[in-house]
Full PDB file with SEQRES, HELIX, SHEET, SSBOND, CRYST1, ORIGX, SCALE, CONECT and MASTER records, all heavy atoms in Angstrom:
SEQRES   1 A   38  VAL GLN LEU VAL GLU SER GLY GLY GLY LEU VAL GLN ALA          
SEQRES   2 A   38  GLY GLY SER LEU ARG LEU SER CYS ALA ALA SER GLY ARG          
SEQRES   3 A   38  ARG MET SER ASN TYR ALA MET GLY TRP PHE ARG GLN              
SHEET    1 AA1 2 GLN A   2  SER A   6  0                                        
SHEET    2 AA1 2 SER A  20  SER A  24 -1                                        
CRYST1    1.000    1.000    1.000  90.00  90.00  90.00 P 1           1          
ORIGX1      1.000000  0.000000  0.000000        0.00000                         
ORIGX2      0.000000  1.000000  0.000000        0.00000                         
ORIGX3      0.000000  0.000000  1.000000        0.00000                         
SCALE1      1.000000  0.000000  0.000000        0.00000                         
SCALE2      0.000000  1.000000  0.000000        0.00000                         
SCALE3      0.000000  0.000000  1.000000        0.00000                         
ATOM      1  N   VAL A   1     118.564  94.990  69.980  1.00  0.00           N  
ATOM      2  CA  VAL A   1     117.530  93.970  69.860  1.00  0.00           C  
ATOM      3  C   VAL A   1     116.848  94.100  68.507  1.00  0.00           C  
ATOM      4  O   VAL A   1     116.486  95.206  68.080  1.00  0.00           O  
ATOM      5  CB  VAL A   1     116.493  94.114  70.990  1.00  0.00           C  
ATOM      6  CG1 VAL A   1     115.321  93.183  70.762  1.00  0.00           C  
ATOM      7  CG2 VAL A   1     117.144  93.830  72.344  1.00  0.00           C  
ATOM      8  N   GLN A   2     116.672  92.985  67.848  1.00  0.00           N  
ATOM      9  CA  GLN A   2     115.882  92.936  66.619  1.00  0.00           C  
ATOM     10  C   GLN A   2     114.777  91.921  66.793  1.00  0.00           C  
ATOM     11  O   GLN A   2     114.995  90.835  67.328  1.00  0.00           O  
ATOM     12  CB  GLN A   2     116.764  92.569  65.429  1.00  0.00           C  
ATOM     13  CG  GLN A   2     117.738  93.670  65.030  1.00  0.00           C  
ATOM     14  CD  GLN A   2     118.444  93.377  63.730  1.00  0.00           C  
ATOM     15  OE1 GLN A   2     118.822  92.237  63.467  1.00  0.00           O  
ATOM     16  NE2 GLN A   2     118.646  94.393  62.918  1.00  0.00           N  
ATOM     17  N   LEU A   3     113.603  92.288  66.326  1.00  0.00           N  
ATOM     18  CA  LEU A   3     112.428  91.428  66.386  1.00  0.00           C  
ATOM     19  C   LEU A   3     111.933  91.189  64.974  1.00  0.00           C  
ATOM     20  O   LEU A   3     111.743  92.155  64.213  1.00  0.00           O  
ATOM     21  CB  LEU A   3     111.331  92.070  67.224  1.00  0.00           C  
ATOM     22  CG  LEU A   3     111.693  92.464  68.660  1.00  0.00           C  
ATOM     23  CD1 LEU A   3     110.529  93.208  69.322  1.00  0.00           C  
ATOM     24  CD2 LEU A   3     112.087  91.258  69.471  1.00  0.00           C  
ATOM     25  N   VAL A   4     111.714  89.930  64.630  1.00  0.00           N  
ATOM     26  CA  VAL A   4     111.259  89.596  63.286  1.00  0.00           C  
ATOM     27  C   VAL A   4     110.026  88.710  63.386  1.00  0.00           C  
ATOM     28  O   VAL A   4     110.094  87.597  63.917  1.00  0.00           O  
ATOM     29  CB  VAL A   4     112.355  88.882  62.482  1.00  0.00           C  
ATOM     30  CG1 VAL A   4     111.835  88.520  61.092  1.00  0.00           C  
ATOM     31  CG2 VAL A   4     113.597  89.773  62.366  1.00  0.00           C  
ATOM     32  N   GLU A   5     108.908  89.226  62.863  1.00  0.00           N  
ATOM     33  CA  GLU A   5     107.662  88.467  62.867  1.00  0.00           C  
ATOM     34  C   GLU A   5     107.554  87.596  61.628  1.00  0.00           C  
ATOM     35  O   GLU A   5     108.101  87.917  60.568  1.00  0.00           O  
ATOM     36  CB  GLU A   5     106.440  89.394  62.906  1.00  0.00           C  
ATOM     37  CG  GLU A   5     106.362  90.325  64.093  1.00  0.00           C  
ATOM     38  CD  GLU A   5     106.915  91.695  63.765  1.00  0.00           C  
ATOM     39  OE1 GLU A   5     107.791  91.774  62.883  1.00  0.00           O  
ATOM     40  OE2 GLU A   5     106.473  92.697  64.371  1.00  0.00           O  
ATOM     41  N   SER A   6     106.817  86.514  61.759  1.00  0.00           N  
ATOM     42  CA  SER A   6     106.497  85.648  60.626  1.00  0.00           C  
ATOM     43  C   SER A   6     105.225  84.889  60.958  1.00  0.00           C  
ATOM     44  O   SER A   6     104.746  84.914  62.096  1.00  0.00           O  
ATOM     45  CB  SER A   6     107.644  84.668  60.335  1.00  0.00           C  
ATOM     46  OG  SER A   6     107.875  83.819  61.451  1.00  0.00           O  
ATOM     47  N   GLY A   7     104.682  84.230  59.953  1.00  0.00           N  
ATOM     48  CA  GLY A   7     103.519  83.388  60.174  1.00  0.00           C  
ATOM     49  C   GLY A   7     102.201  83.967  59.708  1.00  0.00           C  
ATOM     50  O   GLY A   7     101.168  83.299  59.774  1.00  0.00           O  
ATOM     51  N   GLY A   8     102.228  85.210  59.256  1.00  0.00           N  
ATOM     52  CA  GLY A   8     100.997  85.788  58.763  1.00  0.00           C  
ATOM     53  C   GLY A   8     100.576  85.165  57.440  1.00  0.00           C  
ATOM     54  O   GLY A   8     101.311  84.373  56.849  1.00  0.00           O  
ATOM     55  N   GLY A   9      99.382  85.519  57.007  1.00  0.00           N  
ATOM     56  CA  GLY A   9      98.900  84.996  55.744  1.00  0.00           C  
ATOM     57  C   GLY A   9      97.419  85.199  55.593  1.00  0.00           C  
ATOM     58  O   GLY A   9      96.792  85.963  56.340  1.00  0.00           O  
ATOM     59  N   LEU A  10      96.869  84.510  54.616  1.00  0.00           N  
ATOM     60  CA  LEU A  10      95.445  84.574  54.309  1.00  0.00           C  
ATOM     61  C   LEU A  10      94.779  83.310  54.832  1.00  0.00           C  
ATOM     62  O   LEU A  10      95.227  82.197  54.548  1.00  0.00           O  
ATOM     63  CB  LEU A  10      95.236  84.701  52.803  1.00  0.00           C  
ATOM     64  CG  LEU A  10      93.807  84.637  52.292  1.00  0.00           C  
ATOM     65  CD1 LEU A  10      92.994  85.813  52.827  1.00  0.00           C  
ATOM     66  CD2 LEU A  10      93.794  84.612  50.754  1.00  0.00           C  
ATOM     67  N   VAL A  11      93.707  83.496  55.590  1.00  0.00           N  
ATOM     68  CA  VAL A  11      92.991  82.359  56.161  1.00  0.00           C  
ATOM     69  C   VAL A  11      91.505  82.658  56.134  1.00  0.00           C  
ATOM     70  O   VAL A  11      91.092  83.828  56.181  1.00  0.00           O  
ATOM     71  CB  VAL A  11      93.490  82.087  57.598  1.00  0.00           C  
ATOM     72  CG1 VAL A  11      93.176  83.248  58.524  1.00  0.00           C  
ATOM     73  CG2 VAL A  11      92.931  80.789  58.145  1.00  0.00           C  
ATOM     74  N   GLN A  12      90.709  81.619  56.040  1.00  0.00           N  
ATOM     75  CA  GLN A  12      89.256  81.805  56.075  1.00  0.00           C  
ATOM     76  C   GLN A  12      88.772  82.007  57.502  1.00  0.00           C  
ATOM     77  O   GLN A  12      89.413  81.558  58.470  1.00  0.00           O  
ATOM     78  CB  GLN A  12      88.561  80.596  55.468  1.00  0.00           C  
ATOM     79  CG  GLN A  12      88.707  80.479  53.958  1.00  0.00           C  
ATOM     80  CD  GLN A  12      87.839  79.382  53.374  1.00  0.00           C  
ATOM     81  OE1 GLN A  12      87.574  78.384  54.028  1.00  0.00           O  
ATOM     82  NE2 GLN A  12      87.397  79.576  52.139  1.00  0.00           N  
ATOM     83  N   ALA A  13      87.654  82.666  57.626  1.00  0.00           N  
ATOM     84  CA  ALA A  13      87.050  82.850  58.941  1.00  0.00           C  
ATOM     85  C   ALA A  13      86.864  81.494  59.621  1.00  0.00           C  
ATOM     86  O   ALA A  13      86.458  80.519  58.989  1.00  0.00           O  
ATOM     87  CB  ALA A  13      85.712  83.568  58.806  1.00  0.00           C  
ATOM     88  N   GLY A  14      87.184  81.464  60.906  1.00  0.00           N  
ATOM     89  CA  GLY A  14      87.128  80.217  61.655  1.00  0.00           C  
ATOM     90  C   GLY A  14      88.437  79.450  61.681  1.00  0.00           C  
ATOM     91  O   GLY A  14      88.588  78.501  62.465  1.00  0.00           O  
ATOM     92  N   GLY A  15      89.373  79.858  60.850  1.00  0.00           N  
ATOM     93  CA  GLY A  15      90.655  79.182  60.778  1.00  0.00           C  
ATOM     94  C   GLY A  15      91.634  79.656  61.843  1.00  0.00           C  
ATOM     95  O   GLY A  15      91.287  80.447  62.723  1.00  0.00           O  
ATOM     96  N   SER A  16      92.859  79.156  61.731  1.00  0.00           N  
ATOM     97  CA  SER A  16      93.891  79.444  62.730  1.00  0.00           C  
ATOM     98  C   SER A  16      95.191  79.842  62.053  1.00  0.00           C  
ATOM     99  O   SER A  16      95.468  79.446  60.917  1.00  0.00           O  
ATOM    100  CB  SER A  16      94.149  78.204  63.600  1.00  0.00           C  
ATOM    101  OG  SER A  16      93.003  77.816  64.312  1.00  0.00           O  
ATOM    102  N   LEU A  17      95.968  80.628  62.779  1.00  0.00           N  
ATOM    103  CA  LEU A  17      97.324  80.975  62.385  1.00  0.00           C  
ATOM    104  C   LEU A  17      98.175  81.047  63.648  1.00  0.00           C  
ATOM    105  O   LEU A  17      97.671  81.374  64.721  1.00  0.00           O  
ATOM    106  CB  LEU A  17      97.379  82.327  61.674  1.00  0.00           C  
ATOM    107  CG  LEU A  17      96.940  82.421  60.232  1.00  0.00           C  
ATOM    108  CD1 LEU A  17      96.937  83.889  59.784  1.00  0.00           C  
ATOM    109  CD2 LEU A  17      97.832  81.602  59.317  1.00  0.00           C  
ATOM    110  N   ARG A  18      99.461  80.783  63.478  1.00  0.00           N  
ATOM    111  CA  ARG A  18     100.392  80.994  64.570  1.00  0.00           C  
ATOM    112  C   ARG A  18     101.466  81.974  64.117  1.00  0.00           C  
ATOM    113  O   ARG A  18     102.208  81.695  63.166  1.00  0.00           O  
ATOM    114  CB  ARG A  18     101.042  79.691  65.042  1.00  0.00           C  
ATOM    115  CG  ARG A  18     101.863  79.901  66.319  1.00  0.00           C  
ATOM    116  CD  ARG A  18     102.486  78.625  66.842  1.00  0.00           C  
ATOM    117  NE  ARG A  18     103.675  78.238  66.084  1.00  0.00           N  
ATOM    118  CZ  ARG A  18     104.626  77.434  66.545  1.00  0.00           C  
ATOM    119  NH1 ARG A  18     104.532  76.951  67.780  1.00  0.00           N  
ATOM    120  NH2 ARG A  18     105.656  77.111  65.792  1.00  0.00           N  
ATOM    121  N   LEU A  19     101.514  83.084  64.788  1.00  0.00           N  
ATOM    122  CA  LEU A  19     102.532  84.090  64.506  1.00  0.00           C  
ATOM    123  C   LEU A  19     103.753  83.840  65.389  1.00  0.00           C  
ATOM    124  O   LEU A  19     103.616  83.414  66.540  1.00  0.00           O  
ATOM    125  CB  LEU A  19     101.997  85.492  64.762  1.00  0.00           C  
ATOM    126  CG  LEU A  19     100.716  85.876  64.042  1.00  0.00           C  
ATOM    127  CD1 LEU A  19     100.371  87.334  64.350  1.00  0.00           C  
ATOM    128  CD2 LEU A  19     100.817  85.648  62.554  1.00  0.00           C  
ATOM    129  N   SER A  20     104.911  84.127  64.829  1.00  0.00           N  
ATOM    130  CA  SER A  20     106.162  84.004  65.568  1.00  0.00           C  
ATOM    131  C   SER A  20     106.871  85.350  65.597  1.00  0.00           C  
ATOM    132  O   SER A  20     106.776  86.126  64.648  1.00  0.00           O  
ATOM    133  CB  SER A  20     107.073  82.967  64.915  1.00  0.00           C  
ATOM    134  OG  SER A  20     106.484  81.690  64.886  1.00  0.00           O  
ATOM    135  N   CYS A  21     107.583  85.577  66.670  1.00  0.00           N  
ATOM    136  CA  CYS A  21     108.415  86.774  66.802  1.00  0.00           C  
ATOM    137  C   CYS A  21     109.787  86.307  67.296  1.00  0.00           C  
ATOM    138  O   CYS A  21     109.943  85.980  68.481  1.00  0.00           O  
ATOM    139  CB  CYS A  21     107.790  87.769  67.769  1.00  0.00           C  
ATOM    140  SG  CYS A  21     108.845  89.196  68.132  1.00  0.00           S  
ATOM    141  N   ALA A  22     110.728  86.252  66.385  1.00  0.00           N  
ATOM    142  CA  ALA A  22     112.070  85.795  66.724  1.00  0.00           C  
ATOM    143  C   ALA A  22     112.935  86.982  67.119  1.00  0.00           C  
ATOM    144  O   ALA A  22     113.023  87.963  66.374  1.00  0.00           O  
ATOM    145  CB  ALA A  22     112.688  85.064  65.540  1.00  0.00           C  
ATOM    146  N   ALA A  23     113.548  86.875  68.276  1.00  0.00           N  
ATOM    147  CA  ALA A  23     114.380  87.963  68.780  1.00  0.00           C  
ATOM    148  C   ALA A  23     115.856  87.627  68.614  1.00  0.00           C  
ATOM    149  O   ALA A  23     116.260  86.461  68.706  1.00  0.00           O  
ATOM    150  CB  ALA A  23     114.078  88.217  70.242  1.00  0.00           C  
ATOM    151  N   SER A  24     116.632  88.636  68.363  1.00  0.00           N  
ATOM    152  CA  SER A  24     118.089  88.485  68.297  1.00  0.00           C  
ATOM    153  C   SER A  24     118.744  89.686  68.948  1.00  0.00           C  
ATOM    154  O   SER A  24     118.120  90.732  69.127  1.00  0.00           O  
ATOM    155  CB  SER A  24     118.559  88.341  66.847  1.00  0.00           C  
ATOM    156  OG  SER A  24     118.230  89.495  66.106  1.00  0.00           O  
ATOM    157  N   GLY A  25     119.990  89.508  69.322  1.00  0.00           N  
ATOM    158  CA  GLY A  25     120.738  90.592  69.939  1.00  0.00           C  
ATOM    159  C   GLY A  25     120.728  90.561  71.451  1.00  0.00           C  
ATOM    160  O   GLY A  25     121.560  91.199  72.089  1.00  0.00           O  
ATOM    161  N   ARG A  26     119.777  89.855  72.028  1.00  0.00           N  
ATOM    162  CA  ARG A  26     119.683  89.772  73.483  1.00  0.00           C  
ATOM    163  C   ARG A  26     118.749  88.631  73.845  1.00  0.00           C  
ATOM    164  O   ARG A  26     117.779  88.370  73.137  1.00  0.00           O  
ATOM    165  CB  ARG A  26     119.130  91.081  74.052  1.00  0.00           C  
ATOM    166  CG  ARG A  26     119.112  91.174  75.562  1.00  0.00           C  
ATOM    167  CD  ARG A  26     118.510  92.500  76.002  1.00  0.00           C  
ATOM    168  NE  ARG A  26     119.345  93.633  75.659  1.00  0.00           N  
ATOM    169  CZ  ARG A  26     120.310  94.101  76.427  1.00  0.00           C  
ATOM    170  NH1 ARG A  26     120.581  93.535  77.592  1.00  0.00           N  
ATOM    171  NH2 ARG A  26     121.000  95.145  76.054  1.00  0.00           N  
ATOM    172  N   ARG A  27     119.046  87.959  74.958  1.00  0.00           N  
ATOM    173  CA  ARG A  27     118.113  86.964  75.448  1.00  0.00           C  
ATOM    174  C   ARG A  27     116.910  87.693  76.030  1.00  0.00           C  
ATOM    175  O   ARG A  27     117.053  88.586  76.847  1.00  0.00           O  
ATOM    176  CB  ARG A  27     118.766  86.106  76.546  1.00  0.00           C  
ATOM    177  CG  ARG A  27     120.004  85.353  76.103  1.00  0.00           C  
ATOM    178  CD  ARG A  27     119.719  84.406  74.959  1.00  0.00           C  
ATOM    179  NE  ARG A  27     118.733  83.393  75.307  1.00  0.00           N  
ATOM    180  CZ  ARG A  27     118.269  82.488  74.442  1.00  0.00           C  
ATOM    181  NH1 ARG A  27     118.699  82.482  73.195  1.00  0.00           N  
ATOM    182  NH2 ARG A  27     117.400  81.610  74.830  1.00  0.00           N  
ATOM    183  N   MET A  28     115.711  87.290  75.596  1.00  0.00           N  
ATOM    184  CA  MET A  28     114.511  88.048  75.920  1.00  0.00           C  
ATOM    185  C   MET A  28     113.678  87.422  77.028  1.00  0.00           C  
ATOM    186  O   MET A  28     112.587  87.914  77.322  1.00  0.00           O  
ATOM    187  CB  MET A  28     113.654  88.209  74.665  1.00  0.00           C  
ATOM    188  CG  MET A  28     114.354  88.915  73.518  1.00  0.00           C  
ATOM    189  SD  MET A  28     114.869  90.590  73.936  1.00  0.00           S  
ATOM    190  CE  MET A  28     113.282  91.410  73.956  1.00  0.00           C  
ATOM    191  N   SER A  29     114.137  86.348  77.632  1.00  0.00           N  
ATOM    192  CA  SER A  29     113.297  85.618  78.587  1.00  0.00           C  
ATOM    193  C   SER A  29     112.848  86.487  79.763  1.00  0.00           C  
ATOM    194  O   SER A  29     111.784  86.248  80.335  1.00  0.00           O  
ATOM    195  CB  SER A  29     114.029  84.381  79.097  1.00  0.00           C  
ATOM    196  OG  SER A  29     115.243  84.755  79.742  1.00  0.00           O  
ATOM    197  N   ASN A  30     113.625  87.486  80.128  1.00  0.00           N  
ATOM    198  CA  ASN A  30     113.252  88.343  81.256  1.00  0.00           C  
ATOM    199  C   ASN A  30     112.682  89.680  80.810  1.00  0.00           C  
ATOM    200  O   ASN A  30     112.486  90.574  81.639  1.00  0.00           O  
ATOM    201  CB  ASN A  30     114.440  88.560  82.174  1.00  0.00           C  
ATOM    202  CG  ASN A  30     114.781  87.304  82.955  1.00  0.00           C  
ATOM    203  OD1 ASN A  30     113.891  86.584  83.409  1.00  0.00           O  
ATOM    204  ND2 ASN A  30     116.051  87.019  83.091  1.00  0.00           N  
ATOM    205  N   TYR A  31     112.395  89.819  79.538  1.00  0.00           N  
ATOM    206  CA  TYR A  31     111.789  91.025  79.012  1.00  0.00           C  
ATOM    207  C   TYR A  31     110.298  90.788  78.765  1.00  0.00           C  
ATOM    208  O   TYR A  31     109.895  89.728  78.304  1.00  0.00           O  
ATOM    209  CB  TYR A  31     112.424  91.420  77.682  1.00  0.00           C  
ATOM    210  CG  TYR A  31     113.771  92.097  77.794  1.00  0.00           C  
ATOM    211  CD1 TYR A  31     114.811  91.501  78.479  1.00  0.00           C  
ATOM    212  CD2 TYR A  31     114.000  93.325  77.188  1.00  0.00           C  
ATOM    213  CE1 TYR A  31     116.047  92.123  78.565  1.00  0.00           C  
ATOM    214  CE2 TYR A  31     115.227  93.940  77.261  1.00  0.00           C  
ATOM    215  CZ  TYR A  31     116.252  93.329  77.957  1.00  0.00           C  
ATOM    216  OH  TYR A  31     117.479  93.943  78.041  1.00  0.00           O  
ATOM    217  N   ALA A  32     109.504  91.774  79.058  1.00  0.00           N  
ATOM    218  CA  ALA A  32     108.094  91.715  78.702  1.00  0.00           C  
ATOM    219  C   ALA A  32     107.954  91.896  77.194  1.00  0.00           C  
ATOM    220  O   ALA A  32     108.618  92.753  76.605  1.00  0.00           O  
ATOM    221  CB  ALA A  32     107.323  92.808  79.427  1.00  0.00           C  
ATOM    222  N   MET A  33     107.086  91.093  76.599  1.00  0.00           N  
ATOM    223  CA  MET A  33     106.876  91.168  75.161  1.00  0.00           C  
ATOM    224  C   MET A  33     105.389  91.110  74.866  1.00  0.00           C  
ATOM    225  O   MET A  33     104.615  90.575  75.664  1.00  0.00           O  
ATOM    226  CB  MET A  33     107.596  90.014  74.454  1.00  0.00           C  
ATOM    227  CG  MET A  33     109.098  90.020  74.656  1.00  0.00           C  
ATOM    228  SD  MET A  33     109.929  88.698  73.757  1.00  0.00           S  
ATOM    229  CE  MET A  33     109.751  89.280  72.069  1.00  0.00           C  
ATOM    230  N   GLY A  34     105.023  91.645  73.730  1.00  0.00           N  
ATOM    231  CA  GLY A  34     103.605  91.659  73.417  1.00  0.00           C  
ATOM    232  C   GLY A  34     103.336  91.736  71.927  1.00  0.00           C  
ATOM    233  O   GLY A  34     104.258  91.887  71.118  1.00  0.00           O  
ATOM    234  N   TRP A  35     102.067  91.631  71.594  1.00  0.00           N  
ATOM    235  CA  TRP A  35     101.588  91.740  70.216  1.00  0.00           C  
ATOM    236  C   TRP A  35     100.595  92.903  70.130  1.00  0.00           C  
ATOM    237  O   TRP A  35      99.734  93.070  70.993  1.00  0.00           O  
ATOM    238  CB  TRP A  35     100.879  90.459  69.780  1.00  0.00           C  
ATOM    239  CG  TRP A  35     101.790  89.292  69.597  1.00  0.00           C  
ATOM    240  CD1 TRP A  35     102.074  88.311  70.508  1.00  0.00           C  
ATOM    241  CD2 TRP A  35     102.536  88.976  68.432  1.00  0.00           C  
ATOM    242  NE1 TRP A  35     102.955  87.406  69.979  1.00  0.00           N  
ATOM    243  CE2 TRP A  35     103.255  87.789  68.696  1.00  0.00           C  
ATOM    244  CE3 TRP A  35     102.686  89.564  67.168  1.00  0.00           C  
ATOM    245  CZ2 TRP A  35     104.101  87.188  67.762  1.00  0.00           C  
ATOM    246  CZ3 TRP A  35     103.519  88.976  66.234  1.00  0.00           C  
ATOM    247  CH2 TRP A  35     104.221  87.802  66.528  1.00  0.00           C  
ATOM    248  N   PHE A  36     100.748  93.652  69.064  1.00  0.00           N  
ATOM    249  CA  PHE A  36      99.810  94.705  68.705  1.00  0.00           C  
ATOM    250  C   PHE A  36      99.365  94.448  67.269  1.00  0.00           C  
ATOM    251  O   PHE A  36      99.981  93.687  66.540  1.00  0.00           O  
ATOM    252  CB  PHE A  36     100.491  96.080  68.778  1.00  0.00           C  
ATOM    253  CG  PHE A  36     100.788  96.541  70.182  1.00  0.00           C  
ATOM    254  CD1 PHE A  36     101.859  96.016  70.896  1.00  0.00           C  
ATOM    255  CD2 PHE A  36     100.003  97.513  70.791  1.00  0.00           C  
ATOM    256  CE1 PHE A  36     102.146  96.443  72.188  1.00  0.00           C  
ATOM    257  CE2 PHE A  36     100.277  97.955  72.079  1.00  0.00           C  
ATOM    258  CZ  PHE A  36     101.347  97.410  72.773  1.00  0.00           C  
ATOM    259  N   ARG A  37      98.302  95.107  66.886  1.00  0.00           N  
ATOM    260  CA  ARG A  37      97.860  95.013  65.493  1.00  0.00           C  
ATOM    261  C   ARG A  37      97.324  96.350  65.038  1.00  0.00           C  
ATOM    262  O   ARG A  37      96.869  97.174  65.840  1.00  0.00           O  
ATOM    263  CB  ARG A  37      96.793  93.926  65.335  1.00  0.00           C  
ATOM    264  CG  ARG A  37      95.474  94.211  66.005  1.00  0.00           C  
ATOM    265  CD  ARG A  37      94.556  93.002  65.891  1.00  0.00           C  
ATOM    266  NE  ARG A  37      93.232  93.252  66.466  1.00  0.00           N  
ATOM    267  CZ  ARG A  37      92.292  92.340  66.607  1.00  0.00           C  
ATOM    268  NH1 ARG A  37      92.512  91.085  66.189  1.00  0.00           N  
ATOM    269  NH2 ARG A  37      91.131  92.649  67.135  1.00  0.00           N  
ATOM    270  N   GLN A  38      97.391  96.540  63.722  1.00  0.00           N  
ATOM    271  CA  GLN A  38      96.888  97.780  63.138  1.00  0.00           C  
ATOM    272  C   GLN A  38      96.166  97.465  61.848  1.00  0.00           C  
ATOM    273  O   GLN A  38      96.763  96.964  60.892  1.00  0.00           O  
ATOM    274  CB  GLN A  38      98.031  98.764  62.891  1.00  0.00           C  
ATOM    275  CG  GLN A  38      97.563 100.132  62.459  1.00  0.00           C  
ATOM    276  CD  GLN A  38      98.664 101.175  62.525  1.00  0.00           C  
ATOM    277  OE1 GLN A  38      99.850 100.848  62.592  1.00  0.00           O  
ATOM    278  NE2 GLN A  38      98.285 102.448  62.524  1.00  0.00           N  
TER     279      GLN A  38                                                      
MASTER        0    0    0    0    2    0    0    6  278    1    0    3          
END                                                                             
């Protein structure tokens, strides 16, 4: 399984972003997935 994030960037307070995590190597519909930050 490979996971590739995209969609990050610089935004002003109050703004919005949509992050994506594209998976390959396996269908992930039955896998639990999540987001963390550091």
